[in-house]
Structure formats: structure tokens, C-alpha cells
């Protein structure tokens, strides 16, 4: 029973991390589209 709960928690955590990563990537891509040329370092 404990193994099943741990597996469920781990799968849920992985799903949450995947969703967060996807949203962060979408936000980053939107920002890159909004700002096509990032500031260059001298």
C-alpha cells in the first residue's frame, strides 16, 4: 500500500513538474517572440 502511494505521489509530482516546465518553455518562447533580439553582452 505504501509503495502504491509513493508511486502515485511520484507520478503526480512528475506530472506537475512537466506542466510547469511546459508553461515555462511557452512563456520563454513568447518572450523570445516578443523580444526577437536579446541584448548582446559586450
N, C-alpha and C. Protein backbone atom coordinates (compact mmCIF):
# COMPACT_ATOMS: atom_id res chain seq x y z
N UNK A 1 0.84 -1.20 0.00
CA UNK A 1 0.00 0.00 0.00
C UNK A 1 0.88 1.26 0.00
N UNK A 2 1.92 1.24 0.83
CA UNK A 2 2.80 2.41 0.89
C UNK A 2 3.52 2.61 -0.44
N UNK A 3 3.93 1.51 -1.07
CA UNK A 3 4.61 1.62 -2.36
C UNK A 3 3.66 2.24 -3.39
N UNK A 4 2.39 1.83 -3.35
CA UNK A 4 1.42 2.37 -4.31
C UNK A 4 1.25 3.87 -4.09
N UNK A 5 1.18 4.29 -2.82
CA UNK A 5 1.02 5.72 -2.52
C UNK A 5 2.25 6.49 -2.99
N UNK A 6 3.44 5.94 -2.72
CA UNK A 6 4.66 6.62 -3.15
C UNK A 6 4.70 6.73 -4.67
N UNK A 7 4.30 5.67 -5.36
CA UNK A 7 4.31 5.71 -6.82
C UNK A 7 3.32 6.75 -7.32
N UNK A 8 2.14 6.83 -6.67
CA UNK A 8 1.13 7.81 -7.07
C UNK A 8 1.66 9.22 -6.85
N UNK A 9 2.28 9.44 -5.69
CA UNK A 9 2.83 10.78 -5.40
C UNK A 9 3.93 11.13 -6.40
N UNK A 10 4.79 10.17 -6.72
CA UNK A 10 5.89 10.44 -7.64
C UNK A 10 5.36 10.76 -9.03
N UNK A 11 4.35 10.00 -9.49
CA UNK A 11 3.79 10.25 -10.82
C UNK A 11 3.11 11.62 -10.84
N UNK A 12 2.43 11.98 -9.75
CA UNK A 12 1.77 13.29 -9.68
C UNK A 12 2.81 14.40 -9.69
N UNK A 13 3.89 14.22 -8.95
CA UNK A 13 4.95 15.22 -8.90
C UNK A 13 5.59 15.38 -10.28
N UNK A 14 5.83 14.26 -10.96
CA UNK A 14 6.42 14.31 -12.29
C UNK A 14 5.49 15.04 -13.25
N UNK A 15 4.18 14.79 -13.12
CA UNK A 15 3.22 15.46 -14.00
C UNK A 15 3.24 16.96 -13.73
N UNK A 16 3.27 17.34 -12.46
CA UNK A 16 3.29 18.77 -12.11
C UNK A 16 4.56 19.42 -12.65
N UNK A 17 5.69 18.74 -12.48
CA UNK A 17 6.96 19.29 -12.98
C UNK A 17 6.92 19.44 -14.49
N UNK A 18 6.32 18.46 -15.18
CA UNK A 18 6.23 18.54 -16.64
C UNK A 18 5.38 19.73 -17.05
N UNK A 19 4.24 19.91 -16.36
CA UNK A 19 3.35 21.03 -16.69
C UNK A 19 4.06 22.36 -16.44
N UNK A 20 4.78 22.45 -15.32
CA UNK A 20 5.50 23.69 -15.00
C UNK A 20 6.57 23.95 -16.05
N UNK A 21 7.29 22.91 -16.45
CA UNK A 21 8.33 23.07 -17.46
C UNK A 21 7.72 23.51 -18.79
N UNK A 22 6.59 22.93 -19.17
CA UNK A 22 5.94 23.29 -20.42
C UNK A 22 5.49 24.75 -20.38
N UNK A 23 4.89 25.17 -19.27
CA UNK A 23 4.42 26.55 -19.17
C UNK A 23 5.61 27.50 -19.19
N UNK A 24 6.71 27.12 -18.53
CA UNK A 24 7.90 27.98 -18.53
C UNK A 24 8.47 28.08 -19.94
N UNK A 25 8.49 26.97 -20.68
CA UNK A 25 9.01 26.99 -22.05
C UNK A 25 8.11 27.86 -22.92
N UNK A 26 6.79 27.75 -22.74
CA UNK A 26 5.87 28.57 -23.54
C UNK A 26 6.07 30.04 -23.22
N UNK A 27 6.24 30.38 -21.93
CA UNK A 27 6.45 31.77 -21.55
C UNK A 27 7.76 32.28 -22.13
N UNK A 28 8.79 31.43 -22.10
CA UNK A 28 10.10 31.84 -22.64
C UNK A 28 10.01 32.04 -24.15
N UNK A 29 9.31 31.14 -24.85
CA UNK A 29 9.19 31.27 -26.30
C UNK A 29 8.38 32.51 -26.65
N UNK A 30 7.33 32.80 -25.86
CA UNK A 30 6.54 34.01 -26.10
C UNK A 30 7.41 35.24 -25.87
N UNK A 31 8.23 35.22 -24.84
CA UNK A 31 9.11 36.35 -24.57
C UNK A 31 10.13 36.52 -25.69
N UNK A 32 10.64 35.40 -26.20
CA UNK A 32 11.61 35.48 -27.29
C UNK A 32 10.93 36.00 -28.56
N UNK A 33 9.67 35.63 -28.79
CA UNK A 33 8.95 36.15 -29.95
C UNK A 33 8.69 37.64 -29.78
N UNK A 34 8.40 38.05 -28.54
CA UNK A 34 8.13 39.47 -28.28
C UNK A 34 9.42 40.28 -28.39
N UNK A 35 10.53 39.67 -27.96
CA UNK A 35 11.85 40.35 -27.99
C UNK A 35 12.77 39.50 -28.87
N UNK A 36 12.70 39.67 -30.20
CA UNK A 36 13.43 38.77 -31.10
C UNK A 36 14.94 38.85 -30.89
N UNK A 37 15.47 40.04 -30.62
CA UNK A 37 16.92 40.18 -30.44
C UNK A 37 17.24 40.40 -28.97
N UNK A 38 17.75 39.39 -28.29
CA UNK A 38 18.14 39.57 -26.88
C UNK A 38 19.34 40.51 -26.79
N UNK A 39 19.46 41.24 -25.69
CA UNK A 39 20.60 42.17 -25.54
C UNK A 39 21.93 41.43 -25.60
N UNK A 40 22.83 41.93 -26.42
CA UNK A 40 24.14 41.27 -26.57
C UNK A 40 25.09 41.77 -25.49
N UNK A 41 25.91 40.84 -24.99
CA UNK A 41 26.89 41.23 -23.97
C UNK A 41 28.15 41.74 -24.65
N UNK A 42 28.66 42.85 -24.20
CA UNK A 42 29.87 43.43 -24.80
C UNK A 42 31.10 42.77 -24.22
